[in-house]
Amino acid sequence: MMVLAGRHIPVNLLCPICVSDYESVLHTLVLCPVACGVWSKAGFNFNSAPVSSFGEWWQAVCKGCSVEDRNSVAVILWSLWNNRNNKVWNGKCDLAAGIIHKALSALFLWRAAQEAEVLMHHNVEVEVGFKWLKPTCGSLKCNVDAAVFASEKKIGFGCIIRDENGSLVREINGGMFAPADPLLVEALGVREALSWIKQLGLSNVCVETDSRLLVNVLKGKTLCLSSFGLVVKDCLELASDLVNFSFA
């Protein structure tokens, strides 16, 4: 916008989202109050030394984040920019939870596409680089995973509980008919795990999922008016009934 204004083209220089400061790439993606809310709810803290450009900010992020976190940051940036364009061209914009939801869905689909391509070209099983850590002494860990079976329009989930020695305590799996929304699928798997843990009457349990952004949403108790938001609400209500419970 500033470039267009410099060429004497009449444009509105204010940020279309907050309408309180001049728009720039750095403002839209990092400094805008809405962007700040998104980064906070997604579990990222970028309150470091002031930077003068988005390029400088991105270099700092790359130095301080793991590859996995950089992937998450990249899709959130993409979702923030799409949100800005939707406001400009359609007069609509999402709340922070909705922006995170779309970002996580995009990342989930991108990862699924990469894994499918590897399988197609190499005909091998892909081992996810995830290192399982034992729970603390006297506690349990429940790992949850979910998958989409598009041809059957169903999702499947699996939960396994292990003790501090890594020994199997209980396991369960199941399926249901549900929309093939990646983030919603992960949340449904966690909800089933929480309901199961509650039925078993267990305490001192940490539920672990490989969806970092979902965990951050659950920890931040971020809700949105969508199917995903309703499932998150169910998860939080179930978790509130459990003793010494945590998400990881």
C-alpha atoms as a PDB file:
ATOM      1  CA  MET A   1       0.000   0.000   0.000  1.00  0.00           C
ATOM      2  CA  MET A   2       2.817   2.394   0.828  1.00  0.00           C
ATOM      3  CA  VAL A   3       4.362   1.740  -2.608  1.00  0.00           C
ATOM      4  CA  LEU A   4       1.070   2.545  -4.328  1.00  0.00           C
ATOM      5  CA  ALA A   5       0.693   5.714  -2.272  1.00  0.00           C
ATOM      6  CA  GLY A   6       4.223   6.711  -3.278  1.00  0.00           C
ATOM      7  CA  ARG A   7       3.088   6.538  -6.874  1.00  0.00           C
ATOM      8  CA  HIS A   8       0.182   8.887  -6.093  1.00  0.00           C
ATOM      9  CA  ILE A   9      -2.450   6.136  -6.384  1.00  0.00           C
ATOM     10  CA  PRO A  10      -5.268   6.793  -3.894  1.00  0.00           C
ATOM     11  CA  VAL A  11      -5.368   3.946  -1.392  1.00  0.00           C
ATOM     12  CA  ASN A  12      -6.261   3.493   2.264  1.00  0.00           C
ATOM     13  CA  LEU A  13      -2.989   3.175   4.154  1.00  0.00           C
ATOM     14  CA  LEU A  14      -4.553   1.832   7.352  1.00  0.00           C
ATOM     15  CA  CYS A  15      -4.479  -1.853   8.239  1.00  0.00           C
ATOM     16  CA  PRO A  16      -7.831  -3.312   7.077  1.00  0.00           C
ATOM     17  CA  ILE A  17      -7.962  -5.615  10.116  1.00  0.00           C
ATOM     18  CA  CYS A  18      -7.328  -3.307  13.085  1.00  0.00           C
ATOM     19  CA  VAL A  19      -7.786   0.062  11.295  1.00  0.00           C
ATOM     20  CA  SER A  20      -5.486   1.628  13.884  1.00  0.00           C
ATOM     21  CA  ASP A  21      -2.046   1.692  12.255  1.00  0.00           C
ATOM     22  CA  TYR A  22      -0.411   1.932   8.841  1.00  0.00           C
ATOM     23  CA  GLU A  23      -0.384  -1.333   6.916  1.00  0.00           C
ATOM     24  CA  SER A  24       2.873  -3.099   6.099  1.00  0.00           C
ATOM     25  CA  VAL A  25       3.859  -6.739   5.771  1.00  0.00           C
ATOM     26  CA  LEU A  26       5.431  -6.631   9.231  1.00  0.00           C
ATOM     27  CA  HIS A  27       2.332  -5.040  10.751  1.00  0.00           C
ATOM     28  CA  THR A  28      -0.178  -7.363   9.048  1.00  0.00           C
ATOM     29  CA  LEU A  29       1.644 -10.593   9.900  1.00  0.00           C
ATOM     30  CA  VAL A  30       3.302  -9.740  13.221  1.00  0.00           C
ATOM     31  CA  LEU A  31       2.426  -6.451  14.909  1.00  0.00           C
ATOM     32  CA  CYS A  32      -1.307  -6.119  14.251  1.00  0.00           C
ATOM     33  CA  PRO A  33      -3.278  -6.809  17.467  1.00  0.00           C
ATOM     34  CA  VAL A  34      -5.123  -9.629  15.702  1.00  0.00           C
ATOM     35  CA  ALA A  35      -1.825 -11.176  14.558  1.00  0.00           C
ATOM     36  CA  CYS A  36      -0.433 -10.844  18.088  1.00  0.00           C
ATOM     37  CA  GLY A  37      -3.484 -12.672  19.403  1.00  0.00           C
ATOM     38  CA  VAL A  38      -2.997 -15.464  16.873  1.00  0.00           C
ATOM     39  CA  TRP A  39       0.673 -15.948  17.777  1.00  0.00           C
ATOM     40  CA  SER A  40      -0.159 -15.968  21.473  1.00  0.00           C
ATOM     41  CA  LYS A  41      -2.985 -18.507  21.142  1.00  0.00           C
ATOM     42  CA  ALA A  42      -0.810 -20.697  18.897  1.00  0.00           C
ATOM     43  CA  GLY A  43       1.805 -20.836  21.662  1.00  0.00           C
ATOM     44  CA  PHE A  44       4.492 -18.659  20.107  1.00  0.00           C
ATOM     45  CA  ASN A  45       6.127 -15.789  21.964  1.00  0.00           C
ATOM     46  CA  PHE A  46       7.839 -13.327  19.637  1.00  0.00           C
ATOM     47  CA  ASN A  47       8.257 -10.482  22.131  1.00  0.00           C
ATOM     48  CA  SER A  48      11.937 -10.065  21.309  1.00  0.00           C
ATOM     49  CA  ALA A  49      13.983  -7.034  20.318  1.00  0.00           C
ATOM     50  CA  PRO A  50      12.254  -4.648  17.878  1.00  0.00           C
ATOM     51  CA  VAL A  51      12.807  -5.324  14.184  1.00  0.00           C
ATOM     52  CA  SER A  52      12.513  -2.927  11.251  1.00  0.00           C
ATOM     53  CA  SER A  53      11.248  -5.307   8.558  1.00  0.00           C
ATOM     54  CA  PHE A  54       9.462  -8.588   8.071  1.00  0.00           C
ATOM     55  CA  GLY A  55      12.611 -10.095   6.574  1.00  0.00           C
ATOM     56  CA  GLU A  56      14.543  -9.271   9.728  1.00  0.00           C
ATOM     57  CA  TRP A  57      11.770 -10.771  11.862  1.00  0.00           C
ATOM     58  CA  TRP A  58      11.711 -13.953   9.800  1.00  0.00           C
ATOM     59  CA  GLN A  59      15.476 -14.390  10.083  1.00  0.00           C
ATOM     60  CA  ALA A  60      15.173 -14.143  13.867  1.00  0.00           C
ATOM     61  CA  VAL A  61      12.367 -16.724  13.874  1.00  0.00           C
ATOM     62  CA  CYS A  62      14.396 -19.149  11.762  1.00  0.00           C
ATOM     63  CA  LYS A  63      17.334 -18.888  14.148  1.00  0.00           C
ATOM     64  CA  GLY A  64      15.246 -19.487  17.248  1.00  0.00           C
ATOM     65  CA  CYS A  65      12.757 -22.159  16.086  1.00  0.00           C
ATOM     66  CA  SER A  66      12.975 -25.839  15.224  1.00  0.00           C
ATOM     67  CA  VAL A  67      12.083 -27.041  11.727  1.00  0.00           C
ATOM     68  CA  GLU A  68       8.680 -28.216  12.994  1.00  0.00           C
ATOM     69  CA  ASP A  69       7.942 -24.832  14.546  1.00  0.00           C
ATOM     70  CA  ARG A  70       9.055 -23.030  11.374  1.00  0.00           C
ATOM     71  CA  ASN A  71       6.539 -25.091   9.416  1.00  0.00           C
ATOM     72  CA  SER A  72       3.804 -24.068  11.853  1.00  0.00           C
ATOM     73  CA  VAL A  73       4.853 -20.413  11.688  1.00  0.00           C
ATOM     74  CA  ALA A  74       4.837 -20.510   7.876  1.00  0.00           C
ATOM     75  CA  VAL A  75       1.260 -21.796   7.591  1.00  0.00           C
ATOM     76  CA  ILE A  76       0.066 -19.318  10.234  1.00  0.00           C
ATOM     77  CA  LEU A  77       1.623 -16.501   8.195  1.00  0.00           C
ATOM     78  CA  TRP A  78      -0.185 -17.835   5.128  1.00  0.00           C
ATOM     79  CA  SER A  79      -3.468 -17.974   7.049  1.00  0.00           C
ATOM     80  CA  LEU A  80      -2.990 -14.427   8.406  1.00  0.00           C
ATOM     81  CA  TRP A  81      -2.382 -13.096   4.904  1.00  0.00           C
ATOM     82  CA  ASN A  82      -5.440 -14.917   3.528  1.00  0.00           C
ATOM     83  CA  ASN A  83      -7.463 -13.445   6.386  1.00  0.00           C
ATOM     84  CA  ARG A  84      -6.257  -9.976   5.429  1.00  0.00           C
ATOM     85  CA  ASN A  85      -7.207 -10.521   1.766  1.00  0.00           C
ATOM     86  CA  ASN A  86     -10.612 -11.891   2.732  1.00  0.00           C
ATOM     87  CA  LYS A  87     -11.253  -8.719   4.706  1.00  0.00           C
ATOM     88  CA  VAL A  88     -10.164  -6.480   1.829  1.00  0.00           C
ATOM     89  CA  TRP A  89     -12.051  -8.258  -0.943  1.00  0.00           C
ATOM     90  CA  ASN A  90     -15.025  -9.791   0.839  1.00  0.00           C
ATOM     91  CA  GLY A  91     -15.391  -7.714   3.986  1.00  0.00           C
ATOM     92  CA  LYS A  92     -15.034 -10.794   6.190  1.00  0.00           C
ATOM     93  CA  CYS A  93     -12.341 -11.923   8.608  1.00  0.00           C
ATOM     94  CA  ASP A  94     -11.845 -14.718  11.147  1.00  0.00           C
ATOM     95  CA  LEU A  95     -11.118 -14.585  14.838  1.00  0.00           C
ATOM     96  CA  ALA A  96      -7.772 -15.893  16.082  1.00  0.00           C
ATOM     97  CA  ALA A  97      -9.087 -19.439  16.604  1.00  0.00           C
ATOM     98  CA  GLY A  98     -10.412 -19.591  13.048  1.00  0.00           C
ATOM     99  CA  ILE A  99      -7.095 -18.391  11.614  1.00  0.00           C
ATOM    100  CA  ILE A 100      -5.218 -21.063  13.593  1.00  0.00           C
ATOM    101  CA  HIS A 101      -7.734 -23.702  12.534  1.00  0.00           C
ATOM    102  CA  LYS A 102      -7.190 -22.985   8.835  1.00  0.00           C
ATOM    103  CA  ALA A 103      -3.429 -22.912   9.299  1.00  0.00           C
ATOM    104  CA  LEU A 104      -3.356 -26.285  11.045  1.00  0.00           C
ATOM    105  CA  SER A 105      -5.645 -27.819   8.433  1.00  0.00           C
ATOM    106  CA  ALA A 106      -3.331 -26.636   5.659  1.00  0.00           C
ATOM    107  CA  LEU A 107      -0.282 -28.017   7.448  1.00  0.00           C
ATOM    108  CA  PHE A 108      -2.002 -31.358   8.045  1.00  0.00           C
ATOM    109  CA  LEU A 109      -2.923 -31.685   4.361  1.00  0.00           C
ATOM    110  CA  TRP A 110       0.560 -30.640   3.233  1.00  0.00           C
ATOM    111  CA  ARG A 111       2.199 -33.258   5.448  1.00  0.00           C
ATOM    112  CA  ALA A 112      -0.230 -35.918   4.256  1.00  0.00           C
ATOM    113  CA  ALA A 113       0.593 -35.032   0.660  1.00  0.00           C
ATOM    114  CA  GLN A 114       4.330 -35.283   1.302  1.00  0.00           C
ATOM    115  CA  GLU A 115       3.978 -38.682   2.967  1.00  0.00           C
ATOM    116  CA  ALA A 116       1.735 -39.943   0.171  1.00  0.00           C
ATOM    117  CA  GLU A 117       4.303 -38.846  -2.412  1.00  0.00           C
ATOM    118  CA  VAL A 118       7.100 -40.673  -0.584  1.00  0.00           C
ATOM    119  CA  LEU A 119       5.004 -43.833  -0.393  1.00  0.00           C
ATOM    120  CA  MET A 120       4.072 -43.606  -4.066  1.00  0.00           C
ATOM    121  CA  HIS A 121       7.634 -43.136  -5.327  1.00  0.00           C
ATOM    122  CA  HIS A 122       9.493 -45.381  -2.921  1.00  0.00           C
ATOM    123  CA  ASN A 123       6.829 -47.897  -1.829  1.00  0.00           C
ATOM    124  CA  VAL A 124       8.093 -47.814   1.751  1.00  0.00           C
ATOM    125  CA  GLU A 125       6.561 -47.056   5.119  1.00  0.00           C
ATOM    126  CA  VAL A 126       7.296 -43.593   6.469  1.00  0.00           C
ATOM    127  CA  GLU A 127       8.457 -43.484  10.061  1.00  0.00           C
ATOM    128  CA  VAL A 128       7.479 -40.273  11.787  1.00  0.00           C
ATOM    129  CA  GLY A 129      10.372 -38.711  13.689  1.00  0.00           C
ATOM    130  CA  PHE A 130       8.594 -38.690  17.029  1.00  0.00           C
ATOM    131  CA  LYS A 131      10.417 -39.657  20.215  1.00  0.00           C
ATOM    132  CA  TRP A 132       8.133 -40.945  22.952  1.00  0.00           C
ATOM    133  CA  LEU A 133       9.040 -39.848  26.466  1.00  0.00           C
ATOM    134  CA  LYS A 134       7.982 -41.710  29.592  1.00  0.00           C
ATOM    135  CA  PRO A 135       5.547 -39.972  31.954  1.00  0.00           C
ATOM    136  CA  THR A 136       6.766 -38.755  35.314  1.00  0.00           C
ATOM    137  CA  CYS A 137       6.898 -41.114  38.299  1.00  0.00           C
ATOM    138  CA  GLY A 138       3.434 -42.135  39.455  1.00  0.00           C
ATOM    139  CA  SER A 139       1.643 -40.836  36.367  1.00  0.00           C
ATOM    140  CA  LEU A 140       0.331 -42.220  33.071  1.00  0.00           C
ATOM    141  CA  LYS A 141       0.568 -41.081  29.475  1.00  0.00           C
ATOM    142  CA  CYS A 142      -2.161 -41.591  26.886  1.00  0.00           C
ATOM    143  CA  ASN A 143      -1.072 -41.221  23.266  1.00  0.00           C
ATOM    144  CA  VAL A 144      -3.817 -40.438  20.765  1.00  0.00           C
ATOM    145  CA  ASP A 145      -3.755 -40.683  16.993  1.00  0.00           C
ATOM    146  CA  ALA A 146      -6.488 -40.301  14.397  1.00  0.00           C
ATOM    147  CA  ALA A 147      -6.769 -40.985  10.678  1.00  0.00           C
ATOM    148  CA  VAL A 148      -9.208 -40.263   7.850  1.00  0.00           C
ATOM    149  CA  PHE A 149     -10.657 -43.017   5.650  1.00  0.00           C
ATOM    150  CA  ALA A 150     -11.971 -40.830   2.852  1.00  0.00           C
ATOM    151  CA  SER A 151     -13.408 -43.650   0.719  1.00  0.00           C
ATOM    152  CA  GLU A 152     -15.601 -44.784   3.617  1.00  0.00           C
ATOM    153  CA  LYS A 153     -16.277 -41.234   4.869  1.00  0.00           C
ATOM    154  CA  LYS A 154     -15.117 -42.341   8.312  1.00  0.00           C
ATOM    155  CA  ILE A 155     -12.376 -41.489  10.758  1.00  0.00           C
ATOM    156  CA  GLY A 156     -10.480 -43.898  12.970  1.00  0.00           C
ATOM    157  CA  PHE A 157      -8.754 -43.256  16.276  1.00  0.00           C
ATOM    158  CA  GLY A 158      -6.469 -45.168  18.586  1.00  0.00           C
ATOM    159  CA  CYS A 159      -5.458 -44.535  22.200  1.00  0.00           C
ATOM    160  CA  ILE A 160      -2.812 -46.297  24.256  1.00  0.00           C
ATOM    161  CA  ILE A 161      -2.021 -45.707  27.925  1.00  0.00           C
ATOM    162  CA  ARG A 162       1.432 -46.512  29.328  1.00  0.00           C
ATOM    163  CA  ASP A 163       2.945 -46.133  32.770  1.00  0.00           C
ATOM    164  CA  GLU A 164       6.221 -44.601  33.961  1.00  0.00           C
ATOM    165  CA  ASN A 165       8.094 -47.735  32.852  1.00  0.00           C
ATOM    166  CA  GLY A 166       6.640 -47.622  29.358  1.00  0.00           C
ATOM    167  CA  SER A 167       4.495 -50.691  30.042  1.00  0.00           C
ATOM    168  CA  LEU A 168       1.063 -51.000  28.434  1.00  0.00           C
ATOM    169  CA  VAL A 169      -1.824 -50.249  30.799  1.00  0.00           C
ATOM    170  CA  ARG A 170      -4.860 -50.051  28.491  1.00  0.00           C
ATOM    171  CA  GLU A 171      -5.617 -49.505  24.811  1.00  0.00           C
ATOM    172  CA  ILE A 172      -8.676 -48.753  22.719  1.00  0.00           C
ATOM    173  CA  ASN A 173      -9.518 -47.983  19.108  1.00  0.00           C
ATOM    174  CA  GLY A 174     -12.631 -47.140  17.197  1.00  0.00           C
ATOM    175  CA  GLY A 175     -14.181 -45.200  14.376  1.00  0.00           C
ATOM    176  CA  MET A 176     -17.067 -42.923  13.511  1.00  0.00           C
ATOM    177  CA  PHE A 177     -18.629 -41.131  10.595  1.00  0.00           C
ATOM    178  CA  ALA A 178     -17.363 -37.549  10.565  1.00  0.00           C
ATOM    179  CA  PRO A 179     -16.272 -34.787   8.162  1.00  0.00           C
ATOM    180  CA  ALA A 180     -12.712 -35.272   6.906  1.00  0.00           C
ATOM    181  CA  ASP A 181     -11.513 -32.006   8.434  1.00  0.00           C
ATOM    182  CA  PRO A 182      -7.921 -32.606   9.660  1.00  0.00           C
ATOM    183  CA  LEU A 183      -8.090 -30.459  12.775  1.00  0.00           C
ATOM    184  CA  LEU A 184     -11.565 -31.692  13.658  1.00  0.00           C
ATOM    185  CA  VAL A 185     -10.389 -35.309  13.284  1.00  0.00           C
ATOM    186  CA  GLU A 186      -7.513 -34.752  15.729  1.00  0.00           C
ATOM    187  CA  ALA A 187      -9.851 -33.047  18.205  1.00  0.00           C
ATOM    188  CA  LEU A 188     -12.394 -35.874  17.963  1.00  0.00           C
ATOM    189  CA  GLY A 189      -9.653 -38.392  18.745  1.00  0.00           C
ATOM    190  CA  VAL A 190      -8.672 -36.443  21.856  1.00  0.00           C
ATOM    191  CA  ARG A 191     -12.301 -36.164  22.935  1.00  0.00           C
ATOM    192  CA  GLU A 192     -12.735 -39.951  22.664  1.00  0.00           C
ATOM    193  CA  ALA A 193      -9.561 -40.454  24.713  1.00  0.00           C
ATOM    194  CA  LEU A 194     -10.769 -38.095  27.441  1.00  0.00           C
ATOM    195  CA  SER A 195     -14.168 -39.766  27.631  1.00  0.00           C
ATOM    196  CA  TRP A 196     -12.466 -43.178  27.881  1.00  0.00           C
ATOM    197  CA  ILE A 197     -10.075 -42.015  30.616  1.00  0.00           C
ATOM    198  CA  LYS A 198     -13.026 -40.580  32.563  1.00  0.00           C
ATOM    199  CA  GLN A 199     -14.912 -43.886  32.283  1.00  0.00           C
ATOM    200  CA  LEU A 200     -11.852 -45.756  33.565  1.00  0.00           C
ATOM    201  CA  GLY A 201     -11.645 -43.417  36.574  1.00  0.00           C
ATOM    202  CA  LEU A 202      -7.939 -42.741  36.012  1.00  0.00           C
ATOM    203  CA  SER A 203      -6.012 -39.795  37.408  1.00  0.00           C
ATOM    204  CA  ASN A 204      -2.538 -38.313  36.880  1.00  0.00           C
ATOM    205  CA  VAL A 205      -2.845 -38.735  33.111  1.00  0.00           C
ATOM    206  CA  CYS A 206      -1.153 -36.727  30.360  1.00  0.00           C
ATOM    207  CA  VAL A 207      -2.862 -36.952  26.956  1.00  0.00           C
ATOM    208  CA  GLU A 208      -0.339 -36.562  24.151  1.00  0.00           C
ATOM    209  CA  THR A 209      -1.079 -35.886  20.477  1.00  0.00           C
ATOM    210  CA  ASP A 210       1.248 -35.038  17.586  1.00  0.00           C
ATOM    211  CA  SER A 211      -0.839 -31.952  16.753  1.00  0.00           C
ATOM    212  CA  ARG A 212       1.098 -29.176  18.485  1.00  0.00           C
ATOM    213  CA  LEU A 213      -1.305 -26.433  17.474  1.00  0.00           C
ATOM    214  CA  LEU A 214      -4.292 -28.394  18.762  1.00  0.00           C
ATOM    215  CA  VAL A 215      -2.521 -28.815  22.103  1.00  0.00           C
ATOM    216  CA  ASN A 216      -1.838 -25.071  22.232  1.00  0.00           C
ATOM    217  CA  VAL A 217      -5.501 -24.349  21.482  1.00  0.00           C
ATOM    218  CA  LEU A 218      -6.576 -26.724  24.261  1.00  0.00           C
ATOM    219  CA  LYS A 219      -4.088 -25.275  26.744  1.00  0.00           C
ATOM    220  CA  GLY A 220      -5.116 -21.746  25.849  1.00  0.00           C
ATOM    221  CA  LYS A 221      -8.806 -22.735  26.063  1.00  0.00           C
ATOM    222  CA  THR A 222      -9.366 -21.068  22.689  1.00  0.00           C
ATOM    223  CA  LEU A 223     -12.863 -21.582  21.311  1.00  0.00           C
ATOM    224  CA  CYS A 224     -14.490 -20.714  17.999  1.00  0.00           C
ATOM    225  CA  LEU A 225     -18.020 -21.022  16.664  1.00  0.00           C
ATOM    226  CA  SER A 226     -17.484 -24.103  14.502  1.00  0.00           C
ATOM    227  CA  SER A 227     -17.656 -27.885  14.751  1.00  0.00           C
ATOM    228  CA  PHE A 228     -14.042 -27.802  15.865  1.00  0.00           C
ATOM    229  CA  GLY A 229     -14.820 -25.239  18.564  1.00  0.00           C
ATOM    230  CA  LEU A 230     -17.640 -27.365  19.921  1.00  0.00           C
ATOM    231  CA  VAL A 231     -15.391 -30.441  20.105  1.00  0.00           C
ATOM    232  CA  VAL A 232     -12.695 -28.393  21.870  1.00  0.00           C
ATOM    233  CA  LYS A 233     -15.369 -27.246  24.349  1.00  0.00           C
ATOM    234  CA  ASP A 234     -16.283 -30.893  24.989  1.00  0.00           C
ATOM    235  CA  CYS A 235     -12.609 -31.748  25.521  1.00  0.00           C
ATOM    236  CA  LEU A 236     -12.140 -28.973  28.047  1.00  0.00           C
ATOM    237  CA  GLU A 237     -15.278 -29.952  29.949  1.00  0.00           C
ATOM    238  CA  LEU A 238     -14.148 -33.588  30.119  1.00  0.00           C
ATOM    239  CA  ALA A 239     -10.641 -32.547  31.177  1.00  0.00           C
ATOM    240  CA  SER A 240     -12.067 -30.406  33.980  1.00  0.00           C
ATOM    241  CA  ASP A 241     -13.537 -33.571  35.561  1.00  0.00           C
ATOM    242  CA  LEU A 242     -10.173 -35.364  35.643  1.00  0.00           C
ATOM    243  CA  VAL A 243      -7.660 -35.205  38.514  1.00  0.00           C
ATOM    244  CA  ASN A 244      -4.100 -34.012  37.836  1.00  0.00           C
ATOM    245  CA  PHE A 245      -4.612 -33.955  34.078  1.00  0.00           C
ATOM    246  CA  SER A 246      -2.512 -32.320  31.349  1.00  0.00           C
ATOM    247  CA  PHE A 247      -2.143 -32.030  27.564  1.00  0.00           C
ATOM    248  CA  ALA A 248       1.149 -32.522  25.716  1.00  0.00           C
END
